[in-house]
Amino acid sequence: MTQTASQDPQVLVPLTTPEEVDQFLQDYPLAAVFKAGTCHKTMQGFGVLETFLQNHELPVGFIRVVDWRPASNHVAQRTGITHQSPQFILFKQGEPQFEVNNWDITPEALSPVFESHVPARSGEGAVATEDNAEPYRRLMHAFLDGQLSEWAFQDQYVTMFRDDASLRSQREFELLSRLFGDPDAYHGGLHQLGAPQERGDLKARVQTLLNDLG
């Protein structure tokens, strides 16, 4: 993970076992657990959460449900909340206060909760996110170098994005998602996304995205 700022580090703790879940909730009277799934819904949901963590003081424990399933099951058993992923659960004194799941993790859902229950930071928070955009960069360079056709590039890019469950910043999520739009359209066949050039010159858009990613 890399730090996006330096002045006020965000508490972001991996919870890999049931014992770590209990210890985390004991250590932090006001905290949240974020369950990360296996597709871009996790990336989108964490991106929304990240924007609130920049301005609010809330320790977050995250669980990769496929890798750390006992920890995920323990949260469900402890709270009585049916497991979903991605899933955001706010805790106070170890008891769940609020939950939201999947595509419902939106600014509209989180805003009143953070305003009512989570203290504001004195300065902007430094949220550690997973800066692993290199696979996208390699794919885009391969396309620009002529190694992939437009259709092959679109197919591989959308598949990579759809299966990406990284904990990314909202900025990075929005940058990566703007190239082809909603990846869920791919489930019905590539033709549902339309021709790669329908949104304008593809090579120019790819080069712009590379520049913006840095």
N, C-alpha and C. Protein backbone atom coordinates (compact mmCIF):
# COMPACT_ATOMS: atom_id res chain seq x y z
N MET A 1 0.83 -1.19 0.00
CA MET A 1 0.00 0.00 0.00
C MET A 1 0.87 1.25 0.00
N THR A 2 0.38 2.30 -0.62
CA THR A 2 1.10 3.56 -0.63
C THR A 2 0.26 4.62 0.04
N GLN A 3 0.92 5.62 0.60
CA GLN A 3 0.22 6.68 1.31
C GLN A 3 -0.12 7.80 0.35
N THR A 4 -1.36 8.27 0.36
CA THR A 4 -1.78 9.32 -0.55
C THR A 4 -1.52 10.71 0.02
N ALA A 5 -1.22 10.81 1.27
CA ALA A 5 -0.85 12.07 1.90
C ALA A 5 -0.01 11.72 3.11
N SER A 6 0.48 12.74 3.85
CA SER A 6 1.41 12.42 4.92
C SER A 6 1.03 13.01 6.26
N GLN A 7 0.07 13.93 6.32
CA GLN A 7 -0.10 14.66 7.55
C GLN A 7 -0.94 13.95 8.61
N ASP A 8 -1.90 13.13 8.25
CA ASP A 8 -2.81 12.54 9.23
C ASP A 8 -3.16 11.13 8.79
N PRO A 9 -2.32 10.14 9.12
CA PRO A 9 -2.52 8.78 8.58
C PRO A 9 -3.85 8.17 9.01
N GLN A 10 -4.47 7.48 8.08
CA GLN A 10 -5.70 6.75 8.34
C GLN A 10 -5.39 5.39 8.94
N VAL A 11 -6.15 5.01 9.98
CA VAL A 11 -6.03 3.66 10.53
C VAL A 11 -6.78 2.71 9.60
N LEU A 12 -6.03 1.84 8.92
CA LEU A 12 -6.61 0.87 7.99
C LEU A 12 -5.93 -0.46 8.26
N VAL A 13 -6.66 -1.37 8.93
CA VAL A 13 -6.06 -2.57 9.50
C VAL A 13 -6.61 -3.83 8.83
N PRO A 14 -5.75 -4.71 8.33
CA PRO A 14 -6.25 -6.00 7.83
C PRO A 14 -6.70 -6.89 8.99
N LEU A 15 -7.87 -7.47 8.85
CA LEU A 15 -8.42 -8.36 9.88
C LEU A 15 -8.49 -9.76 9.29
N THR A 16 -7.53 -10.59 9.64
CA THR A 16 -7.38 -11.89 8.98
C THR A 16 -7.95 -13.04 9.78
N THR A 17 -8.23 -12.83 11.07
CA THR A 17 -8.73 -13.90 11.94
C THR A 17 -9.85 -13.36 12.83
N PRO A 18 -10.67 -14.23 13.40
CA PRO A 18 -11.68 -13.77 14.36
C PRO A 18 -11.08 -13.02 15.54
N GLU A 19 -9.92 -13.46 16.00
CA GLU A 19 -9.28 -12.80 17.13
C GLU A 19 -8.87 -11.37 16.78
N GLU A 20 -8.41 -11.17 15.56
CA GLU A 20 -8.04 -9.82 15.15
C GLU A 20 -9.27 -8.92 15.03
N VAL A 21 -10.39 -9.48 14.62
CA VAL A 21 -11.64 -8.70 14.58
C VAL A 21 -12.00 -8.22 15.98
N ASP A 22 -11.99 -9.13 16.94
CA ASP A 22 -12.37 -8.77 18.31
C ASP A 22 -11.40 -7.75 18.90
N GLN A 23 -10.11 -7.93 18.65
CA GLN A 23 -9.12 -7.01 19.19
C GLN A 23 -9.27 -5.62 18.59
N PHE A 24 -9.52 -5.57 17.29
CA PHE A 24 -9.71 -4.28 16.61
C PHE A 24 -10.90 -3.53 17.19
N LEU A 25 -12.01 -4.21 17.38
CA LEU A 25 -13.21 -3.55 17.90
C LEU A 25 -13.05 -3.19 19.37
N GLN A 26 -12.19 -3.89 20.07
CA GLN A 26 -11.89 -3.53 21.46
C GLN A 26 -10.98 -2.30 21.52
N ASP A 27 -10.03 -2.24 20.60
CA ASP A 27 -9.06 -1.13 20.60
C ASP A 27 -9.69 0.19 20.17
N TYR A 28 -10.71 0.11 19.32
CA TYR A 28 -11.30 1.33 18.76
C TYR A 28 -12.80 1.36 19.06
N PRO A 29 -13.22 2.16 20.05
CA PRO A 29 -14.65 2.21 20.42
C PRO A 29 -15.56 2.62 19.27
N LEU A 30 -15.08 3.50 18.39
CA LEU A 30 -15.83 3.85 17.19
C LEU A 30 -14.99 3.42 15.99
N ALA A 31 -15.51 2.49 15.21
CA ALA A 31 -14.73 1.92 14.12
C ALA A 31 -15.67 1.34 13.08
N ALA A 32 -15.10 0.91 11.98
CA ALA A 32 -15.88 0.29 10.92
C ALA A 32 -15.14 -0.92 10.39
N VAL A 33 -15.91 -1.87 9.88
CA VAL A 33 -15.36 -3.02 9.18
C VAL A 33 -15.82 -2.94 7.73
N PHE A 34 -14.88 -3.11 6.82
CA PHE A 34 -15.19 -3.12 5.39
C PHE A 34 -14.82 -4.49 4.84
N LYS A 35 -15.82 -5.20 4.32
CA LYS A 35 -15.57 -6.50 3.70
C LYS A 35 -15.35 -6.32 2.21
N ALA A 36 -14.21 -6.80 1.75
CA ALA A 36 -13.84 -6.68 0.34
C ALA A 36 -14.14 -7.97 -0.39
N GLY A 37 -14.85 -7.86 -1.51
CA GLY A 37 -15.20 -9.03 -2.29
C GLY A 37 -14.20 -9.33 -3.38
N THR A 38 -14.69 -9.75 -4.54
CA THR A 38 -13.79 -10.22 -5.60
C THR A 38 -14.02 -9.53 -6.93
N CYS A 39 -14.71 -8.38 -6.94
CA CYS A 39 -14.95 -7.71 -8.22
C CYS A 39 -14.93 -6.20 -8.02
N HIS A 40 -15.25 -5.48 -9.09
CA HIS A 40 -15.12 -4.03 -9.10
C HIS A 40 -16.10 -3.34 -8.14
N LYS A 41 -17.11 -4.06 -7.64
CA LYS A 41 -18.00 -3.45 -6.65
C LYS A 41 -17.21 -3.06 -5.40
N THR A 42 -16.23 -3.89 -5.03
CA THR A 42 -15.37 -3.56 -3.89
C THR A 42 -14.58 -2.30 -4.17
N MET A 43 -14.00 -2.20 -5.36
CA MET A 43 -13.21 -1.03 -5.73
C MET A 43 -14.07 0.23 -5.67
N GLN A 44 -15.29 0.13 -6.21
CA GLN A 44 -16.18 1.28 -6.22
C GLN A 44 -16.60 1.66 -4.80
N GLY A 45 -16.96 0.65 -3.99
CA GLY A 45 -17.42 0.93 -2.63
C GLY A 45 -16.34 1.53 -1.76
N PHE A 46 -15.13 0.99 -1.86
CA PHE A 46 -14.05 1.56 -1.05
C PHE A 46 -13.69 2.96 -1.53
N GLY A 47 -13.79 3.20 -2.83
CA GLY A 47 -13.53 4.54 -3.33
C GLY A 47 -14.45 5.57 -2.72
N VAL A 48 -15.73 5.22 -2.58
CA VAL A 48 -16.69 6.11 -1.93
C VAL A 48 -16.30 6.32 -0.47
N LEU A 49 -16.00 5.23 0.23
CA LEU A 49 -15.60 5.32 1.63
C LEU A 49 -14.36 6.19 1.80
N GLU A 50 -13.41 6.04 0.89
CA GLU A 50 -12.15 6.78 0.99
C GLU A 50 -12.37 8.29 0.99
N THR A 51 -13.36 8.77 0.25
CA THR A 51 -13.60 10.21 0.22
C THR A 51 -14.07 10.73 1.58
N PHE A 52 -14.79 9.90 2.34
CA PHE A 52 -15.24 10.32 3.67
C PHE A 52 -14.11 10.20 4.69
N LEU A 53 -13.25 9.21 4.53
CA LEU A 53 -12.15 9.03 5.47
C LEU A 53 -11.14 10.17 5.38
N GLN A 54 -11.09 10.85 4.27
CA GLN A 54 -10.18 11.99 4.15
C GLN A 54 -10.53 13.10 5.13
N ASN A 55 -11.81 13.18 5.50
CA ASN A 55 -12.27 14.30 6.33
C ASN A 55 -12.87 13.87 7.67
N HIS A 56 -12.87 12.56 7.95
CA HIS A 56 -13.45 12.07 9.20
C HIS A 56 -12.50 11.07 9.85
N GLU A 57 -12.53 11.05 11.17
CA GLU A 57 -11.64 10.20 11.96
C GLU A 57 -12.35 8.88 12.27
N LEU A 58 -12.09 7.86 11.48
CA LEU A 58 -12.74 6.57 11.68
C LEU A 58 -11.78 5.43 11.35
N PRO A 59 -11.30 4.70 12.35
CA PRO A 59 -10.49 3.52 12.07
C PRO A 59 -11.30 2.48 11.29
N VAL A 60 -10.67 1.87 10.30
CA VAL A 60 -11.35 0.88 9.47
C VAL A 60 -10.53 -0.41 9.46
N GLY A 61 -11.20 -1.51 9.75
CA GLY A 61 -10.60 -2.82 9.56
C GLY A 61 -11.18 -3.43 8.30
N PHE A 62 -10.32 -3.99 7.45
CA PHE A 62 -10.83 -4.57 6.21
C PHE A 62 -10.57 -6.06 6.17
N ILE A 63 -11.52 -6.77 5.57
CA ILE A 63 -11.46 -8.23 5.48
C ILE A 63 -11.59 -8.63 4.01
N ARG A 64 -10.61 -9.35 3.50
CA ARG A 64 -10.73 -9.95 2.17
C ARG A 64 -11.43 -11.29 2.36
N VAL A 65 -12.71 -11.32 2.00
CA VAL A 65 -13.56 -12.42 2.43
C VAL A 65 -13.12 -13.78 1.88
N VAL A 66 -12.56 -13.81 0.69
CA VAL A 66 -12.13 -15.09 0.12
C VAL A 66 -10.90 -15.62 0.86
N ASP A 67 -9.97 -14.73 1.18
CA ASP A 67 -8.73 -15.14 1.82
C ASP A 67 -8.88 -15.32 3.33
N TRP A 68 -9.75 -14.52 3.94
CA TRP A 68 -9.86 -14.51 5.41
C TRP A 68 -11.30 -14.80 5.83
N ARG A 69 -11.84 -15.89 5.29
CA ARG A 69 -13.25 -16.19 5.51
C ARG A 69 -13.62 -16.39 6.98
N PRO A 70 -12.77 -17.03 7.83
CA PRO A 70 -13.16 -17.14 9.23
C PRO A 70 -13.40 -15.78 9.89
N ALA A 71 -12.61 -14.78 9.52
CA ALA A 71 -12.83 -13.44 10.07
C ALA A 71 -14.16 -12.88 9.59
N SER A 72 -14.46 -13.09 8.31
CA SER A 72 -15.72 -12.61 7.75
C SER A 72 -16.91 -13.30 8.42
N ASN A 73 -16.82 -14.62 8.58
CA ASN A 73 -17.90 -15.35 9.23
C ASN A 73 -18.09 -14.90 10.68
N HIS A 74 -16.99 -14.58 11.33
CA HIS A 74 -17.07 -14.14 12.73
C HIS A 74 -17.83 -12.83 12.85
N VAL A 75 -17.60 -11.92 11.92
CA VAL A 75 -18.34 -10.65 11.94
C VAL A 75 -19.84 -10.92 11.79
N ALA A 76 -20.19 -11.81 10.87
CA ALA A 76 -21.61 -12.14 10.67
C ALA A 76 -22.21 -12.77 11.92
N GLN A 77 -21.47 -13.67 12.55
CA GLN A 77 -21.98 -14.33 13.75
C GLN A 77 -22.07 -13.36 14.92
N ARG A 78 -21.10 -12.49 15.02
CA ARG A 78 -21.06 -11.54 16.14
C ARG A 78 -22.17 -10.50 16.04
N THR A 79 -22.51 -10.09 14.82
CA THR A 79 -23.46 -9.00 14.63
C THR A 79 -24.87 -9.47 14.27
N GLY A 80 -24.98 -10.69 13.71
CA GLY A 80 -26.26 -11.13 13.19
C GLY A 80 -26.58 -10.53 11.83
N ILE A 81 -25.61 -9.83 11.24
CA ILE A 81 -25.81 -9.20 9.94
C ILE A 81 -25.39 -10.18 8.84
N THR A 82 -26.28 -10.43 7.91
CA THR A 82 -25.99 -11.35 6.82
C THR A 82 -24.79 -10.86 6.02
N HIS A 83 -23.88 -11.78 5.75
CA HIS A 83 -22.68 -11.41 5.01
C HIS A 83 -23.01 -10.99 3.59
N GLN A 84 -22.41 -9.89 3.17
CA GLN A 84 -22.40 -9.48 1.77
C GLN A 84 -21.03 -8.87 1.50
N SER A 85 -20.71 -8.71 0.24
CA SER A 85 -19.46 -8.02 -0.09
C SER A 85 -19.63 -7.29 -1.43
N PRO A 86 -19.14 -6.04 -1.46
CA PRO A 86 -18.56 -5.33 -0.33
C PRO A 86 -19.63 -4.99 0.71
N GLN A 87 -19.14 -4.77 1.92
CA GLN A 87 -20.04 -4.47 3.03
C GLN A 87 -19.34 -3.51 3.99
N PHE A 88 -20.06 -2.48 4.40
CA PHE A 88 -19.55 -1.51 5.37
C PHE A 88 -20.42 -1.57 6.61
N ILE A 89 -19.78 -1.81 7.77
CA ILE A 89 -20.51 -1.87 9.04
C ILE A 89 -19.84 -0.90 10.01
N LEU A 90 -20.63 0.01 10.56
CA LEU A 90 -20.13 0.95 11.57
C LEU A 90 -20.41 0.38 12.96
N PHE A 91 -19.38 0.39 13.81
CA PHE A 91 -19.49 -0.13 15.17
C PHE A 91 -19.27 0.98 16.19
N LYS A 92 -20.00 0.90 17.30
CA LYS A 92 -19.76 1.76 18.46
C LYS A 92 -19.75 0.87 19.69
N GLN A 93 -18.66 0.92 20.43
CA GLN A 93 -18.49 0.06 21.60
C GLN A 93 -18.70 -1.42 21.24
N GLY A 94 -18.23 -1.78 20.06
CA GLY A 94 -18.29 -3.17 19.63
C GLY A 94 -19.63 -3.63 19.10
N GLU A 95 -20.62 -2.72 19.06
CA GLU A 95 -21.95 -3.09 18.59
C GLU A 95 -22.24 -2.42 17.25
N PRO A 96 -22.85 -3.15 16.32
CA PRO A 96 -23.13 -2.57 14.99
C PRO A 96 -24.20 -1.48 15.08
N GLN A 97 -23.93 -0.38 14.38
CA GLN A 97 -24.85 0.76 14.37
C GLN A 97 -25.49 0.99 13.00
N PHE A 98 -24.78 0.56 11.96
CA PHE A 98 -25.23 0.86 10.60
C PHE A 98 -24.51 -0.08 9.64
N GLU A 99 -25.21 -0.49 8.60
CA GLU A 99 -24.57 -1.31 7.55
C GLU A 99 -25.12 -0.90 6.20
N VAL A 100 -24.28 -1.07 5.19
CA VAL A 100 -24.70 -0.83 3.82
C VAL A 100 -23.84 -1.73 2.93
N ASN A 101 -24.43 -2.17 1.81
CA ASN A 101 -23.80 -3.23 1.02
C ASN A 101 -23.82 -2.94 -0.47
N ASN A 102 -22.85 -3.56 -1.15
CA ASN A 102 -22.82 -3.61 -2.61
C ASN A 102 -22.92 -2.22 -3.23
N TRP A 103 -23.77 -2.09 -4.27
CA TRP A 103 -23.89 -0.80 -4.97
C TRP A 103 -24.55 0.26 -4.11
N ASP A 104 -25.10 -0.12 -2.95
CA ASP A 104 -25.73 0.87 -2.07
C ASP A 104 -24.71 1.65 -1.25
N ILE A 105 -23.42 1.30 -1.37
CA ILE A 105 -22.38 2.09 -0.70
C ILE A 105 -22.14 3.33 -1.57
N THR A 106 -22.89 4.37 -1.28
CA THR A 106 -22.89 5.59 -2.08
C THR A 106 -22.66 6.80 -1.17
N PRO A 107 -22.29 7.94 -1.75
CA PRO A 107 -22.19 9.16 -0.94
C PRO A 107 -23.50 9.49 -0.23
N GLU A 108 -24.62 9.25 -0.89
CA GLU A 108 -25.91 9.56 -0.29
C GLU A 108 -26.18 8.69 0.94
N ALA A 109 -25.72 7.44 0.91
CA ALA A 109 -25.93 6.55 2.05
C ALA A 109 -24.98 6.87 3.20
N LEU A 110 -23.73 7.19 2.89
CA LEU A 110 -22.73 7.39 3.94
C LEU A 110 -22.75 8.79 4.55
N SER A 111 -23.16 9.78 3.79
CA SER A 111 -23.06 11.16 4.26
C SER A 111 -23.78 11.40 5.58
N PRO A 112 -25.06 11.04 5.73
CA PRO A 112 -25.72 11.31 7.02
C PRO A 112 -25.12 10.52 8.18
N VAL A 113 -24.59 9.33 7.90
CA VAL A 113 -23.99 8.51 8.94
C VAL A 113 -22.70 9.15 9.45
N PHE A 114 -21.86 9.58 8.54
CA PHE A 114 -20.61 10.23 8.95
C PHE A 114 -20.89 11.56 9.63
N GLU A 115 -21.84 12.32 9.13
CA GLU A 115 -22.14 13.61 9.74
C GLU A 115 -22.69 13.46 11.16
N SER A 116 -23.44 12.39 11.40
CA SER A 116 -24.09 12.21 12.70
C SER A 116 -23.22 11.47 13.72
N HIS A 117 -22.35 10.57 13.25
CA HIS A 117 -21.70 9.65 14.17
C HIS A 117 -20.17 9.70 14.17
N VAL A 118 -19.56 10.28 13.15
CA VAL A 118 -18.11 10.19 13.01
C VAL A 118 -17.49 11.58 13.12
N PRO A 119 -16.55 11.77 14.04
CA PRO A 119 -15.96 13.11 14.21
C PRO A 119 -15.13 13.52 13.00
N ALA A 120 -15.14 14.82 12.74
CA ALA A 120 -14.36 15.36 11.64
C ALA A 120 -12.88 15.40 12.02
N ARG A 121 -12.02 15.30 11.03
CA ARG A 121 -10.59 15.45 11.25
C ARG A 121 -10.23 16.92 11.38
N SER A 122 -9.13 17.18 12.07
CA SER A 122 -8.63 18.55 12.14
C SER A 122 -7.92 18.93 10.84
N GLY A 123 -7.40 17.93 10.12
CA GLY A 123 -6.77 18.16 8.83
C GLY A 123 -7.16 17.04 7.89
N GLU A 124 -6.73 17.14 6.64
CA GLU A 124 -7.10 16.11 5.67
C GLU A 124 -6.41 14.81 5.99
N GLY A 125 -7.15 13.72 5.89
CA GLY A 125 -6.60 12.41 6.20
C GLY A 125 -5.75 11.85 5.08
N ALA A 126 -4.84 10.96 5.47
CA ALA A 126 -3.97 10.29 4.51
C ALA A 126 -4.40 8.83 4.43
N VAL A 127 -5.20 8.50 3.44
CA VAL A 127 -5.76 7.16 3.32
C VAL A 127 -4.83 6.30 2.47
N ALA A 128 -4.37 5.20 3.04
CA ALA A 128 -3.50 4.28 2.31
C ALA A 128 -4.34 3.42 1.37
N THR A 129 -4.06 3.49 0.08
CA THR A 129 -4.78 2.68 -0.89
C THR A 129 -3.79 1.86 -1.70
N GLU A 130 -4.31 0.88 -2.41
CA GLU A 130 -3.46 -0.05 -3.16
C GLU A 130 -3.17 0.51 -4.55
N ASP A 131 -1.96 1.04 -4.71
CA ASP A 131 -1.58 1.62 -5.99
C ASP A 131 -1.00 0.51 -6.87
N ASN A 132 -1.88 -0.31 -7.43
CA ASN A 132 -1.43 -1.41 -8.28
C ASN A 132 -2.03 -1.27 -9.67
N ALA A 133 -1.90 -0.08 -10.22
CA ALA A 133 -2.44 0.17 -11.55
C ALA A 133 -1.50 -0.30 -12.65
N GLU A 134 -0.37 -0.89 -12.28
CA GLU A 134 0.61 -1.30 -13.29
C GLU A 134 0.05 -2.28 -14.31
N PRO A 135 -0.79 -3.27 -13.93
CA PRO A 135 -1.36 -4.15 -14.96
C PRO A 135 -2.15 -3.38 -16.02
N TYR A 136 -2.87 -2.33 -15.60
CA TYR A 136 -3.58 -1.49 -16.57
C TYR A 136 -2.60 -0.74 -17.47
N ARG A 137 -1.55 -0.23 -16.86
CA ARG A 137 -0.55 0.51 -17.65
C ARG A 137 0.09 -0.40 -18.70
N ARG A 138 0.45 -1.62 -18.30
CA ARG A 138 1.07 -2.54 -19.25
C ARG A 138 0.12 -2.87 -20.40
N LEU A 139 -1.14 -3.08 -20.07
CA LEU A 139 -2.12 -3.40 -21.10
C LEU A 139 -2.30 -2.22 -22.06
N MET A 140 -2.36 -1.02 -21.52
CA MET A 140 -2.54 0.16 -22.37
C MET A 140 -1.32 0.39 -23.25
N HIS A 141 -0.12 0.18 -22.71
CA HIS A 141 1.08 0.33 -23.52
C HIS A 141 1.12 -0.72 -24.64
N ALA A 142 0.68 -1.94 -24.34
CA ALA A 142 0.65 -2.98 -25.37
C ALA A 142 -0.29 -2.58 -26.51
N PHE A 143 -1.42 -1.99 -26.17
CA PHE A 143 -2.36 -1.53 -27.19
C PHE A 143 -1.76 -0.39 -28.02
N LEU A 144 -1.17 0.58 -27.35
CA LEU A 144 -0.60 1.72 -28.06
C LEU A 144 0.58 1.31 -28.94
N ASP A 145 1.27 0.24 -28.54
CA ASP A 145 2.41 -0.26 -29.33
C ASP A 145 1.98 -1.17 -30.47
N GLY A 146 0.67 -1.38 -30.62
CA GLY A 146 0.17 -2.18 -31.73
C GLY A 146 0.13 -3.67 -31.49
N GLN A 147 0.31 -4.10 -30.24
CA GLN A 147 0.30 -5.53 -29.95
C GLN A 147 -1.12 -6.09 -29.82
N LEU A 148 -2.12 -5.21 -29.64
CA LEU A 148 -3.50 -5.64 -29.47
C LEU A 148 -4.41 -4.84 -30.40
N SER A 149 -5.41 -5.51 -30.94
CA SER A 149 -6.42 -4.80 -31.70
C SER A 149 -7.32 -4.03 -30.73
N GLU A 150 -8.15 -3.14 -31.27
CA GLU A 150 -9.06 -2.38 -30.41
C GLU A 150 -10.02 -3.31 -29.68
N TRP A 151 -10.56 -4.31 -30.40
CA TRP A 151 -11.51 -5.22 -29.77
C TRP A 151 -10.84 -6.08 -28.70
N ALA A 152 -9.62 -6.56 -28.98
CA ALA A 152 -8.91 -7.38 -28.00
C ALA A 152 -8.56 -6.55 -26.77
N PHE A 153 -8.16 -5.31 -26.98
CA PHE A 153 -7.84 -4.44 -25.85
C PHE A 153 -9.08 -4.18 -25.00
N GLN A 154 -10.20 -3.86 -25.66
CA GLN A 154 -11.43 -3.60 -24.90
C GLN A 154 -11.82 -4.83 -24.09
N ASP A 155 -11.75 -5.99 -24.70
CA ASP A 155 -12.11 -7.24 -24.02
C ASP A 155 -11.24 -7.44 -22.78
N GLN A 156 -9.92 -7.32 -22.94
CA GLN A 156 -9.01 -7.58 -21.82
C GLN A 156 -9.12 -6.50 -20.74
N TYR A 157 -9.28 -5.25 -21.15
CA TYR A 157 -9.37 -4.16 -20.17
C TYR A 157 -10.64 -4.29 -19.34
N VAL A 158 -11.77 -4.52 -20.00
CA VAL A 158 -13.04 -4.60 -19.27
C VAL A 158 -13.05 -5.81 -18.34
N THR A 159 -12.49 -6.92 -18.78
CA THR A 159 -12.40 -8.10 -17.93
C THR A 159 -11.53 -7.83 -16.71
N MET A 160 -10.39 -7.17 -16.92
CA MET A 160 -9.50 -6.84 -15.81
C MET A 160 -10.20 -5.91 -14.81
N PHE A 161 -10.90 -4.92 -15.34
CA PHE A 161 -11.57 -3.96 -14.47
C PHE A 161 -12.72 -4.62 -13.71
N ARG A 162 -13.49 -5.44 -14.40
CA ARG A 162 -14.64 -6.09 -13.77
C ARG A 162 -14.21 -6.98 -12.60
N ASP A 163 -13.03 -7.61 -12.72
CA ASP A 163 -12.56 -8.54 -11.70
C ASP A 163 -11.64 -7.88 -10.67
N ASP A 164 -11.51 -6.57 -10.72
CA ASP A 164 -10.58 -5.85 -9.86
C ASP A 164 -11.25 -5.51 -8.53
N ALA A 165 -10.75 -6.09 -7.44
CA ALA A 165 -11.29 -5.83 -6.11
C ALA A 165 -10.29 -5.09 -5.24
N SER A 166 -9.46 -4.26 -5.86
CA SER A 166 -8.46 -3.51 -5.11
C SER A 166 -9.11 -2.42 -4.26
N LEU A 167 -8.43 -2.04 -3.19
CA LEU A 167 -8.88 -0.92 -2.36
C LEU A 167 -8.27 0.35 -2.93
N ARG A 168 -8.97 0.95 -3.88
CA ARG A 168 -8.46 2.11 -4.59
C ARG A 168 -9.11 3.40 -4.10
N SER A 169 -8.42 4.50 -4.36
CA SER A 169 -9.01 5.80 -4.08
C SER A 169 -10.15 6.06 -5.07
N GLN A 170 -11.03 6.97 -4.70
CA GLN A 170 -12.13 7.33 -5.60
C GLN A 170 -11.59 7.91 -6.90
N ARG A 171 -10.54 8.69 -6.82
CA ARG A 171 -9.95 9.29 -8.03
C ARG A 171 -9.48 8.20 -8.99
N GLU A 172 -8.76 7.20 -8.46
CA GLU A 172 -8.24 6.16 -9.33
C GLU A 172 -9.37 5.31 -9.91
N PHE A 173 -10.38 5.02 -9.09
CA PHE A 173 -11.52 4.27 -9.60
C PHE A 173 -12.19 5.01 -10.75
N GLU A 174 -12.41 6.31 -10.58
CA GLU A 174 -13.08 7.08 -11.63
C GLU A 174 -12.23 7.15 -12.90
N LEU A 175 -10.92 7.28 -12.74
CA LEU A 175 -10.05 7.30 -13.92
C LEU A 175 -10.14 5.98 -14.68
N LEU A 176 -10.00 4.87 -13.97
CA LEU A 176 -9.99 3.57 -14.64
C LEU A 176 -11.35 3.22 -15.24
N SER A 177 -12.43 3.69 -14.63
CA SER A 177 -13.76 3.32 -15.10
C SER A 177 -14.24 4.15 -16.28
N ARG A 178 -13.60 5.26 -16.55
CA ARG A 178 -14.14 6.15 -17.58
C ARG A 178 -13.85 5.67 -19.00
N LEU A 179 -12.94 4.72 -19.16
CA LEU A 179 -12.54 4.32 -20.51
C LEU A 179 -13.66 3.60 -21.24
N PHE A 180 -14.35 2.66 -20.56
CA PHE A 180 -15.40 1.88 -21.22
C PHE A 180 -16.72 1.88 -20.47
N GLY A 181 -16.81 2.61 -19.38
CA GLY A 181 -18.09 2.69 -18.68
C GLY A 181 -18.38 1.46 -17.85
N ASP A 182 -19.65 1.10 -17.77
CA ASP A 182 -20.13 0.05 -16.87
C ASP A 182 -19.65 -1.33 -17.31
N PRO A 183 -18.78 -1.98 -16.53
CA PRO A 183 -18.29 -3.30 -16.94
C PRO A 183 -19.34 -4.40 -16.83
N ASP A 184 -20.42 -4.17 -16.09
CA ASP A 184 -21.45 -5.19 -15.98
C ASP A 184 -22.11 -5.48 -17.33
N ALA A 185 -22.04 -4.53 -18.25
CA ALA A 185 -22.60 -4.76 -19.58
C ALA A 185 -21.89 -5.89 -20.29
N TYR A 186 -20.67 -6.18 -19.87
CA TYR A 186 -19.87 -7.21 -20.52
C TYR A 186 -20.44 -8.61 -20.29
N HIS A 187 -21.21 -8.79 -19.20
CA HIS A 187 -21.72 -10.13 -18.90
C HIS A 187 -22.62 -10.66 -20.01
N GLY A 188 -23.28 -9.77 -20.72
CA GLY A 188 -24.16 -10.22 -21.80
C GLY A 188 -23.46 -10.35 -23.13
N GLY A 189 -22.16 -10.14 -23.15
CA GLY A 189 -21.42 -10.21 -24.40
C GLY A 189 -20.76 -8.89 -24.72
N LEU A 190 -19.61 -8.96 -25.34
CA LEU A 190 -18.84 -7.76 -25.63
C LEU A 190 -19.61 -6.77 -26.49
N HIS A 191 -20.51 -7.28 -27.34
CA HIS A 191 -21.25 -6.39 -28.23
C HIS A 191 -22.07 -5.37 -27.46
N GLN A 192 -22.43 -5.68 -26.20
CA GLN A 192 -23.25 -4.74 -25.43
C GLN A 192 -22.49 -3.47 -25.09
N LEU A 193 -21.16 -3.54 -25.10
CA LEU A 193 -20.37 -2.34 -24.86
C LEU A 193 -20.26 -1.47 -26.11
N GLY A 194 -20.58 -2.03 -27.25
CA GLY A 194 -20.45 -1.30 -28.50
C GLY A 194 -19.03 -1.34 -29.02
N ALA A 195 -18.82 -0.72 -30.16
CA ALA A 195 -17.50 -0.68 -30.77
C ALA A 195 -16.56 0.16 -29.91
N PRO A 196 -15.28 -0.22 -29.83
CA PRO A 196 -14.33 0.52 -29.00
C PRO A 196 -14.24 2.00 -29.33
N GLN A 197 -14.51 2.37 -30.59
CA GLN A 197 -14.36 3.76 -31.02
C GLN A 197 -15.61 4.60 -30.77
N GLU A 198 -16.67 4.00 -30.24
CA GLU A 198 -17.92 4.74 -30.10
C GLU A 198 -17.81 5.94 -29.17
N ARG A 199 -16.86 5.92 -28.25
CA ARG A 199 -16.69 7.03 -27.31
C ARG A 199 -15.60 7.99 -27.76
N GLY A 200 -15.19 7.90 -29.00
CA GLY A 200 -14.13 8.77 -29.50
C GLY A 200 -12.88 7.97 -29.81
N ASP A 201 -11.86 8.66 -30.28
CA ASP A 201 -10.61 8.01 -30.67
C ASP A 201 -10.02 7.24 -29.49
N LEU A 202 -9.91 5.92 -29.64
CA LEU A 202 -9.52 5.08 -28.51
C LEU A 202 -8.07 5.32 -28.11
N LYS A 203 -7.17 5.41 -29.08
CA LYS A 203 -5.77 5.61 -28.73
C LYS A 203 -5.55 6.93 -28.00
N ALA A 204 -6.25 7.95 -28.42
CA ALA A 204 -6.12 9.24 -27.74
C ALA A 204 -6.65 9.16 -26.31
N ARG A 205 -7.76 8.45 -26.12
CA ARG A 205 -8.32 8.33 -24.78
C ARG A 205 -7.42 7.49 -23.88
N VAL A 206 -6.81 6.45 -24.44
CA VAL A 206 -5.90 5.62 -23.66
C VAL A 206 -4.67 6.42 -23.25
N GLN A 207 -4.13 7.21 -24.17
CA GLN A 207 -2.96 8.02 -23.84
C GLN A 207 -3.29 9.05 -22.76
N THR A 208 -4.47 9.64 -22.84
CA THR A 208 -4.89 10.60 -21.81
C THR A 208 -5.01 9.93 -20.45
N LEU A 209 -5.57 8.72 -20.44
CA LEU A 209 -5.69 8.00 -19.18
C LEU A 209 -4.33 7.67 -18.59
N LEU A 210 -3.40 7.24 -19.42
CA LEU A 210 -2.05 6.97 -18.94
C LEU A 210 -1.42 8.22 -18.33
N ASN A 211 -1.60 9.34 -18.98
CA ASN A 211 -1.05 10.59 -18.47
C ASN A 211 -1.68 10.96 -17.12
N ASP A 212 -2.99 10.77 -17.01
CA ASP A 212 -3.68 11.14 -15.78
C ASP A 212 -3.33 10.21 -14.62
N LEU A 213 -3.08 8.93 -14.93
CA LEU A 213 -2.68 7.99 -13.88
C LEU A 213 -1.29 8.32 -13.36
N GLY A 214 -0.46 8.90 -14.21
CA GLY A 214 0.89 9.27 -13.80
C GLY A 214 1.86 8.11 -13.84
